[in-house]
Amino acid sequence: MHTIVTMLKREKHKVPLFITSAIEKNNLMKEYKNRPPYQQNDYIGWITRAKKEPTKQKRLQQMLNELKKGNVYMKMRWTSK
């Protein structure tokens, strides 16, 4: 039996101005920057993939709330190293 290891590459998302502005307005840039790069990227991709503006805003608010709490990532418990 052989073990196959693959490294999946995630698309790197550019941070739109409306997300940067919301993070800064809520004084959460430090918390955002302290998250691992994959989490930062996942949040951006998840928010920007929303087709409707209300969904985009709901996802943005969830990210902001999770950054404020500090121990949550995508509604899952998370602890930083």
PDB file of N, CA and C in Angstrom:
ATOM      1  N   MET A   1       0.839  -1.169   0.000  1.00  0.00           N
ATOM      2  CA  MET A   1       0.000   0.000   0.000  1.00  0.00           C
ATOM      3  C   MET A   1       0.890   1.240   0.000  1.00  0.00           C
ATOM      4  N   HIS A   2       0.563   2.207  -0.830  1.00  0.00           N
ATOM      5  CA  HIS A   2       1.325   3.446  -0.933  1.00  0.00           C
ATOM      6  C   HIS A   2       0.521   4.604  -0.352  1.00  0.00           C
ATOM      7  N   THR A   3       1.211   5.501   0.280  1.00  0.00           N
ATOM      8  CA  THR A   3       0.577   6.706   0.790  1.00  0.00           C
ATOM      9  C   THR A   3       0.813   7.828  -0.215  1.00  0.00           C
ATOM     10  N   ILE A   4      -0.278   8.459  -0.615  1.00  0.00           N
ATOM     11  CA  ILE A   4      -0.163   9.568  -1.553  1.00  0.00           C
ATOM     12  C   ILE A   4      -0.417  10.866  -0.799  1.00  0.00           C
ATOM     13  N   VAL A   5       0.530  11.758  -0.901  1.00  0.00           N
ATOM     14  CA  VAL A   5       0.413  13.055  -0.247  1.00  0.00           C
ATOM     15  C   VAL A   5       0.307  14.112  -1.341  1.00  0.00           C
ATOM     16  N   THR A   6      -0.712  14.948  -1.232  1.00  0.00           N
ATOM     17  CA  THR A   6      -0.852  16.020  -2.203  1.00  0.00           C
ATOM     18  C   THR A   6      -0.914  17.355  -1.468  1.00  0.00           C
ATOM     19  N   MET A   7      -0.446  18.352  -2.104  1.00  0.00           N
ATOM     20  CA  MET A   7      -0.516  19.699  -1.561  1.00  0.00           C
ATOM     21  C   MET A   7      -1.492  20.479  -2.443  1.00  0.00           C
ATOM     22  N   LEU A   8      -2.682  20.687  -1.937  1.00  0.00           N
ATOM     23  CA  LEU A   8      -3.668  21.427  -2.693  1.00  0.00           C
ATOM     24  C   LEU A   8      -3.373  22.913  -2.587  1.00  0.00           C
ATOM     25  N   LYS A   9      -3.363  23.574  -3.695  1.00  0.00           N
ATOM     26  CA  LYS A   9      -3.120  25.018  -3.715  1.00  0.00           C
ATOM     27  C   LYS A   9      -4.465  25.728  -3.675  1.00  0.00           C
ATOM     28  N   ARG A  10      -4.604  26.648  -2.749  1.00  0.00           N
ATOM     29  CA  ARG A  10      -5.816  27.457  -2.667  1.00  0.00           C
ATOM     30  C   ARG A  10      -5.602  28.711  -3.503  1.00  0.00           C
ATOM     31  N   GLU A  11      -6.675  29.155  -4.126  1.00  0.00           N
ATOM     32  CA  GLU A  11      -6.614  30.424  -4.836  1.00  0.00           C
ATOM     33  C   GLU A  11      -6.383  31.537  -3.816  1.00  0.00           C
ATOM     34  N   LYS A  12      -5.455  32.427  -4.114  1.00  0.00           N
ATOM     35  CA  LYS A  12      -5.162  33.545  -3.215  1.00  0.00           C
ATOM     36  C   LYS A  12      -6.087  34.699  -3.591  1.00  0.00           C
ATOM     37  N   HIS A  13      -6.936  35.094  -2.645  1.00  0.00           N
ATOM     38  CA  HIS A  13      -7.922  36.139  -2.891  1.00  0.00           C
ATOM     39  C   HIS A  13      -7.370  37.508  -2.499  1.00  0.00           C
ATOM     40  N   LYS A  14      -7.671  38.504  -3.329  1.00  0.00           N
ATOM     41  CA  LYS A  14      -7.307  39.876  -2.994  1.00  0.00           C
ATOM     42  C   LYS A  14      -8.367  40.422  -2.047  1.00  0.00           C
ATOM     43  N   VAL A  15      -7.929  41.208  -1.083  1.00  0.00           N
ATOM     44  CA  VAL A  15      -8.846  41.755  -0.087  1.00  0.00           C
ATOM     45  C   VAL A  15      -9.509  43.011  -0.670  1.00  0.00           C
ATOM     46  N   PRO A  16     -10.841  42.960  -0.860  1.00  0.00           N
ATOM     47  CA  PRO A  16     -11.533  44.140  -1.380  1.00  0.00           C
ATOM     48  C   PRO A  16     -11.554  45.271  -0.351  1.00  0.00           C
ATOM     49  N   LEU A  17     -11.668  46.482  -0.837  1.00  0.00           N
ATOM     50  CA  LEU A  17     -11.661  47.660   0.016  1.00  0.00           C
ATOM     51  C   LEU A  17     -12.776  47.630   1.059  1.00  0.00           C
ATOM     52  N   PHE A  18     -13.967  47.135   0.700  1.00  0.00           N
ATOM     53  CA  PHE A  18     -15.070  47.133   1.669  1.00  0.00           C
ATOM     54  C   PHE A  18     -14.768  46.232   2.866  1.00  0.00           C
ATOM     55  N   ILE A  19     -13.985  45.181   2.664  1.00  0.00           N
ATOM     56  CA  ILE A  19     -13.621  44.299   3.777  1.00  0.00           C
ATOM     57  C   ILE A  19     -12.546  44.966   4.635  1.00  0.00           C
ATOM     58  N   THR A  20     -11.523  45.514   3.989  1.00  0.00           N
ATOM     59  CA  THR A  20     -10.473  46.226   4.728  1.00  0.00           C
ATOM     60  C   THR A  20     -11.081  47.353   5.551  1.00  0.00           C
ATOM     61  N   SER A  21     -11.988  48.109   4.945  1.00  0.00           N
ATOM     62  CA  SER A  21     -12.636  49.224   5.648  1.00  0.00           C
ATOM     63  C   SER A  21     -13.415  48.747   6.866  1.00  0.00           C
ATOM     64  N   ALA A  22     -14.148  47.642   6.712  1.00  0.00           N
ATOM     65  CA  ALA A  22     -14.940  47.106   7.830  1.00  0.00           C
ATOM     66  C   ALA A  22     -14.030  46.633   8.960  1.00  0.00           C
ATOM     67  N   ILE A  23     -12.923  45.985   8.613  1.00  0.00           N
ATOM     68  CA  ILE A  23     -11.970  45.513   9.626  1.00  0.00           C
ATOM     69  C   ILE A  23     -11.383  46.710  10.377  1.00  0.00           C
ATOM     70  N   GLU A  24     -10.979  47.731   9.627  1.00  0.00           N
ATOM     71  CA  GLU A  24     -10.391  48.921  10.254  1.00  0.00           C
ATOM     72  C   GLU A  24     -11.419  49.693  11.083  1.00  0.00           C
ATOM     73  N   LYS A  25     -12.627  49.839  10.561  1.00  0.00           N
ATOM     74  CA  LYS A  25     -13.693  50.565  11.270  1.00  0.00           C
ATOM     75  C   LYS A  25     -13.988  49.925  12.631  1.00  0.00           C
ATOM     76  N   ASN A  26     -13.859  48.594  12.692  1.00  0.00           N
ATOM     77  CA  ASN A  26     -14.127  47.860  13.928  1.00  0.00           C
ATOM     78  C   ASN A  26     -12.862  47.618  14.755  1.00  0.00           C
ATOM     79  N   ASN A  27     -11.756  48.262  14.368  1.00  0.00           N
ATOM     80  CA  ASN A  27     -10.478  48.127  15.083  1.00  0.00           C
ATOM     81  C   ASN A  27     -10.062  46.669  15.261  1.00  0.00           C
ATOM     82  N   LEU A  28     -10.173  45.888  14.182  1.00  0.00           N
ATOM     83  CA  LEU A  28      -9.865  44.465  14.253  1.00  0.00           C
ATOM     84  C   LEU A  28      -8.702  44.046  13.341  1.00  0.00           C
ATOM     85  N   MET A  29      -7.941  45.017  12.839  1.00  0.00           N
ATOM     86  CA  MET A  29      -6.854  44.664  11.919  1.00  0.00           C
ATOM     87  C   MET A  29      -5.813  43.782  12.602  1.00  0.00           C
ATOM     88  N   LYS A  30      -5.495  44.081  13.859  1.00  0.00           N
ATOM     89  CA  LYS A  30      -4.518  43.257  14.593  1.00  0.00           C
ATOM     90  C   LYS A  30      -5.023  41.815  14.699  1.00  0.00           C
ATOM     91  N   GLU A  31      -6.304  41.661  15.041  1.00  0.00           N
ATOM     92  CA  GLU A  31      -6.889  40.323  15.176  1.00  0.00           C
ATOM     93  C   GLU A  31      -6.904  39.599  13.825  1.00  0.00           C
ATOM     94  N   TYR A  32      -7.208  40.352  12.770  1.00  0.00           N
ATOM     95  CA  TYR A  32      -7.219  39.757  11.423  1.00  0.00           C
ATOM     96  C   TYR A  32      -5.812  39.312  11.028  1.00  0.00           C
ATOM     97  N   LYS A  33      -4.830  40.168  11.240  1.00  0.00           N
ATOM     98  CA  LYS A  33      -3.437  39.857  10.877  1.00  0.00           C
ATOM     99  C   LYS A  33      -2.863  38.721  11.725  1.00  0.00           C
ATOM    100  N   ASN A  34      -3.401  38.515  12.934  1.00  0.00           N
ATOM    101  CA  ASN A  34      -2.930  37.427  13.798  1.00  0.00           C
ATOM    102  C   ASN A  34      -3.491  36.068  13.388  1.00  0.00           C
ATOM    103  N   ARG A  35      -4.460  36.070  12.502  1.00  0.00           N
ATOM    104  CA  ARG A  35      -4.992  34.795  12.006  1.00  0.00           C
ATOM    105  C   ARG A  35      -4.023  34.211  10.979  1.00  0.00           C
ATOM    106  N   PRO A  36      -3.975  32.878  10.881  1.00  0.00           N
ATOM    107  CA  PRO A  36      -3.104  32.264   9.868  1.00  0.00           C
ATOM    108  C   PRO A  36      -3.524  32.717   8.469  1.00  0.00           C
ATOM    109  N   PRO A  37      -2.588  32.774   7.538  1.00  0.00           N
ATOM    110  CA  PRO A  37      -2.912  33.202   6.176  1.00  0.00           C
ATOM    111  C   PRO A  37      -4.068  32.414   5.543  1.00  0.00           C
ATOM    112  N   TYR A  38      -4.158  31.110   5.811  1.00  0.00           N
ATOM    113  CA  TYR A  38      -5.243  30.338   5.208  1.00  0.00           C
ATOM    114  C   TYR A  38      -6.601  30.818   5.712  1.00  0.00           C
ATOM    115  N   GLN A  39      -6.687  31.233   6.973  1.00  0.00           N
ATOM    116  CA  GLN A  39      -7.954  31.739   7.497  1.00  0.00           C
ATOM    117  C   GLN A  39      -8.291  33.089   6.882  1.00  0.00           C
ATOM    118  N   GLN A  40      -7.319  33.956   6.792  1.00  0.00           N
ATOM    119  CA  GLN A  40      -7.549  35.252   6.153  1.00  0.00           C
ATOM    120  C   GLN A  40      -8.085  35.036   4.736  1.00  0.00           C
ATOM    121  N   ASN A  41      -7.422  34.176   3.993  1.00  0.00           N
ATOM    122  CA  ASN A  41      -7.805  33.898   2.616  1.00  0.00           C
ATOM    123  C   ASN A  41      -9.187  33.242   2.529  1.00  0.00           C
ATOM    124  N   ASP A  42      -9.459  32.296   3.415  1.00  0.00           N
ATOM    125  CA  ASP A  42     -10.766  31.625   3.416  1.00  0.00           C
ATOM    126  C   ASP A  42     -11.894  32.616   3.679  1.00  0.00           C
ATOM    127  N   TYR A  43     -11.709  33.485   4.653  1.00  0.00           N
ATOM    128  CA  TYR A  43     -12.726  34.493   4.939  1.00  0.00           C
ATOM    129  C   TYR A  43     -13.002  35.352   3.706  1.00  0.00           C
ATOM    130  N   ILE A  44     -11.948  35.836   3.060  1.00  0.00           N
ATOM    131  CA  ILE A  44     -12.108  36.722   1.902  1.00  0.00           C
ATOM    132  C   ILE A  44     -12.834  35.995   0.769  1.00  0.00           C
ATOM    133  N   GLY A  45     -12.404  34.798   0.471  1.00  0.00           N
ATOM    134  CA  GLY A  45     -13.056  34.022  -0.591  1.00  0.00           C
ATOM    135  C   GLY A  45     -14.510  33.738  -0.285  1.00  0.00           C
ATOM    136  N   TRP A  46     -14.790  33.377   0.941  1.00  0.00           N
ATOM    137  CA  TRP A  46     -16.151  33.040   1.364  1.00  0.00           C
ATOM    138  C   TRP A  46     -17.069  34.262   1.257  1.00  0.00           C
ATOM    139  N   ILE A  47     -16.577  35.397   1.697  1.00  0.00           N
ATOM    140  CA  ILE A  47     -17.382  36.619   1.647  1.00  0.00           C
ATOM    141  C   ILE A  47     -17.612  37.051   0.202  1.00  0.00           C
ATOM    142  N   THR A  48     -16.562  37.077  -0.598  1.00  0.00           N
ATOM    143  CA  THR A  48     -16.683  37.605  -1.957  1.00  0.00           C
ATOM    144  C   THR A  48     -17.400  36.656  -2.919  1.00  0.00           C
ATOM    145  N   ARG A  49     -17.504  35.394  -2.587  1.00  0.00           N
ATOM    146  CA  ARG A  49     -18.250  34.456  -3.451  1.00  0.00           C
ATOM    147  C   ARG A  49     -19.762  34.611  -3.330  1.00  0.00           C
ATOM    148  N   ALA A  50     -20.222  35.296  -2.319  1.00  0.00           N
ATOM    149  CA  ALA A  50     -21.668  35.494  -2.148  1.00  0.00           C
ATOM    150  C   ALA A  50     -22.212  36.255  -3.351  1.00  0.00           C
ATOM    151  N   LYS A  51     -23.314  35.778  -3.878  1.00  0.00           N
ATOM    152  CA  LYS A  51     -23.896  36.406  -5.065  1.00  0.00           C
ATOM    153  C   LYS A  51     -24.747  37.627  -4.719  1.00  0.00           C
ATOM    154  N   LYS A  52     -25.403  37.582  -3.580  1.00  0.00           N
ATOM    155  CA  LYS A  52     -26.303  38.669  -3.185  1.00  0.00           C
ATOM    156  C   LYS A  52     -25.659  39.515  -2.089  1.00  0.00           C
ATOM    157  N   GLU A  53     -25.905  40.804  -2.157  1.00  0.00           N
ATOM    158  CA  GLU A  53     -25.313  41.743  -1.190  1.00  0.00           C
ATOM    159  C   GLU A  53     -25.690  41.421   0.262  1.00  0.00           C
ATOM    160  N   PRO A  54     -26.960  41.078   0.563  1.00  0.00           N
ATOM    161  CA  PRO A  54     -27.281  40.741   1.961  1.00  0.00           C
ATOM    162  C   PRO A  54     -26.468  39.553   2.484  1.00  0.00           C
ATOM    163  N   THR A  55     -26.218  38.585   1.627  1.00  0.00           N
ATOM    164  CA  THR A  55     -25.413  37.426   2.028  1.00  0.00           C
ATOM    165  C   THR A  55     -23.970  37.849   2.282  1.00  0.00           C
ATOM    166  N   LYS A  56     -23.455  38.699   1.404  1.00  0.00           N
ATOM    167  CA  LYS A  56     -22.091  39.215   1.561  1.00  0.00           C
ATOM    168  C   LYS A  56     -21.950  39.942   2.898  1.00  0.00           C
ATOM    169  N   GLN A  57     -22.934  40.774   3.225  1.00  0.00           N
ATOM    170  CA  GLN A  57     -22.894  41.536   4.475  1.00  0.00           C
ATOM    171  C   GLN A  57     -23.037  40.629   5.694  1.00  0.00           C
ATOM    172  N   LYS A  58     -23.853  39.600   5.584  1.00  0.00           N
ATOM    173  CA  LYS A  58     -24.028  38.637   6.684  1.00  0.00           C
ATOM    174  C   LYS A  58     -22.710  37.901   6.951  1.00  0.00           C
ATOM    175  N   ARG A  59     -22.049  37.480   5.890  1.00  0.00           N
ATOM    176  CA  ARG A  59     -20.764  36.779   6.037  1.00  0.00           C
ATOM    177  C   ARG A  59     -19.690  37.710   6.596  1.00  0.00           C
ATOM    178  N   LEU A  60     -19.684  38.953   6.123  1.00  0.00           N
ATOM    179  CA  LEU A  60     -18.729  39.931   6.639  1.00  0.00           C
ATOM    180  C   LEU A  60     -18.939  40.126   8.140  1.00  0.00           C
ATOM    181  N   GLN A  61     -20.188  40.245   8.550  1.00  0.00           N
ATOM    182  CA  GLN A  61     -20.493  40.429   9.965  1.00  0.00           C
ATOM    183  C   GLN A  61     -20.072  39.216  10.790  1.00  0.00           C
ATOM    184  N   GLN A  62     -20.251  38.013  10.235  1.00  0.00           N
ATOM    185  CA  GLN A  62     -19.817  36.814  10.947  1.00  0.00           C
ATOM    186  C   GLN A  62     -18.308  36.837  11.148  1.00  0.00           C
ATOM    187  N   MET A  63     -17.561  37.207  10.102  1.00  0.00           N
ATOM    188  CA  MET A  63     -16.105  37.280  10.238  1.00  0.00           C
ATOM    189  C   MET A  63     -15.718  38.290  11.314  1.00  0.00           C
ATOM    190  N   LEU A  64     -16.338  39.460  11.287  1.00  0.00           N
ATOM    191  CA  LEU A  64     -16.022  40.489  12.283  1.00  0.00           C
ATOM    192  C   LEU A  64     -16.326  39.997  13.695  1.00  0.00           C
ATOM    193  N   ASN A  65     -17.459  39.346  13.871  1.00  0.00           N
ATOM    194  CA  ASN A  65     -17.822  38.800  15.189  1.00  0.00           C
ATOM    195  C   ASN A  65     -16.823  37.742  15.649  1.00  0.00           C
ATOM    196  N   GLU A  66     -16.393  36.897  14.730  1.00  0.00           N
ATOM    197  CA  GLU A  66     -15.433  35.849  15.082  1.00  0.00           C
ATOM    198  C   GLU A  66     -14.069  36.448  15.425  1.00  0.00           C
ATOM    199  N   LEU A  67     -13.679  37.501  14.714  1.00  0.00           N
ATOM    200  CA  LEU A  67     -12.421  38.169  15.053  1.00  0.00           C
ATOM    201  C   LEU A  67     -12.504  38.801  16.438  1.00  0.00           C
ATOM    202  N   LYS A  68     -13.660  39.372  16.777  1.00  0.00           N
ATOM    203  CA  LYS A  68     -13.851  39.973  18.104  1.00  0.00           C
ATOM    204  C   LYS A  68     -13.764  38.916  19.200  1.00  0.00           C
ATOM    205  N   LYS A  69     -14.418  37.780  18.978  1.00  0.00           N
ATOM    206  CA  LYS A  69     -14.415  36.708  19.978  1.00  0.00           C
ATOM    207  C   LYS A  69     -13.022  36.100  20.119  1.00  0.00           C
ATOM    208  N   GLY A  70     -12.365  35.915  19.000  1.00  0.00           N
ATOM    209  CA  GLY A  70     -10.987  35.433  19.016  1.00  0.00           C
ATOM    210  C   GLY A  70     -10.796  33.933  19.071  1.00  0.00           C
ATOM    211  N   ASN A  71     -11.805  33.200  19.464  1.00  0.00           N
ATOM    212  CA  ASN A  71     -11.617  31.744  19.590  1.00  0.00           C
ATOM    213  C   ASN A  71     -12.557  30.966  18.675  1.00  0.00           C
ATOM    214  N   VAL A  72     -12.978  31.617  17.596  1.00  0.00           N
ATOM    215  CA  VAL A  72     -13.911  31.002  16.654  1.00  0.00           C
ATOM    216  C   VAL A  72     -13.420  31.238  15.235  1.00  0.00           C
ATOM    217  N   TYR A  73     -13.550  30.203  14.397  1.00  0.00           N
ATOM    218  CA  TYR A  73     -13.227  30.310  12.981  1.00  0.00           C
ATOM    219  C   TYR A  73     -14.286  29.528  12.220  1.00  0.00           C
ATOM    220  N   MET A  74     -15.066  30.226  11.418  1.00  0.00           N
ATOM    221  CA  MET A  74     -16.138  29.602  10.634  1.00  0.00           C
ATOM    222  C   MET A  74     -17.075  28.772  11.520  1.00  0.00           C
ATOM    223  N   LYS A  75     -17.454  29.367  12.625  1.00  0.00           N
ATOM    224  CA  LYS A  75     -18.366  28.779  13.617  1.00  0.00           C
ATOM    225  C   LYS A  75     -17.787  27.563  14.332  1.00  0.00           C
ATOM    226  N   MET A  76     -16.477  27.346  14.206  1.00  0.00           N
ATOM    227  CA  MET A  76     -15.813  26.236  14.901  1.00  0.00           C
ATOM    228  C   MET A  76     -14.868  26.807  15.946  1.00  0.00           C
ATOM    229  N   ARG A  77     -14.689  26.078  17.019  1.00  0.00           N
ATOM    230  CA  ARG A  77     -13.751  26.495  18.053  1.00  0.00           C
ATOM    231  C   ARG A  77     -12.351  26.516  17.460  1.00  0.00           C
ATOM    232  N   TRP A  78     -11.582  27.564  17.784  1.00  0.00           N
ATOM    233  CA  TRP A  78     -10.235  27.721  17.277  1.00  0.00           C
ATOM    234  C   TRP A  78      -9.379  28.389  18.331  1.00  0.00           C
ATOM    235  N   THR A  79      -8.168  27.902  18.487  1.00  0.00           N
ATOM    236  CA  THR A  79      -7.228  28.539  19.404  1.00  0.00           C
ATOM    237  C   THR A  79      -5.940  28.852  18.653  1.00  0.00           C
ATOM    238  N   SER A  80      -5.432  30.032  18.891  1.00  0.00           N
ATOM    239  CA  SER A  80      -4.164  30.411  18.234  1.00  0.00           C
ATOM    240  C   SER A  80      -3.011  29.778  18.972  1.00  0.00           C
ATOM    241  N   LYS A  81      -1.898  29.711  18.286  1.00  0.00           N
ATOM    242  CA  LYS A  81      -0.702  29.087  18.884  1.00  0.00           C
ATOM    243  C   LYS A  81       0.023  30.074  19.754  1.00  0.00           C
TER     244      LYS A  81
END
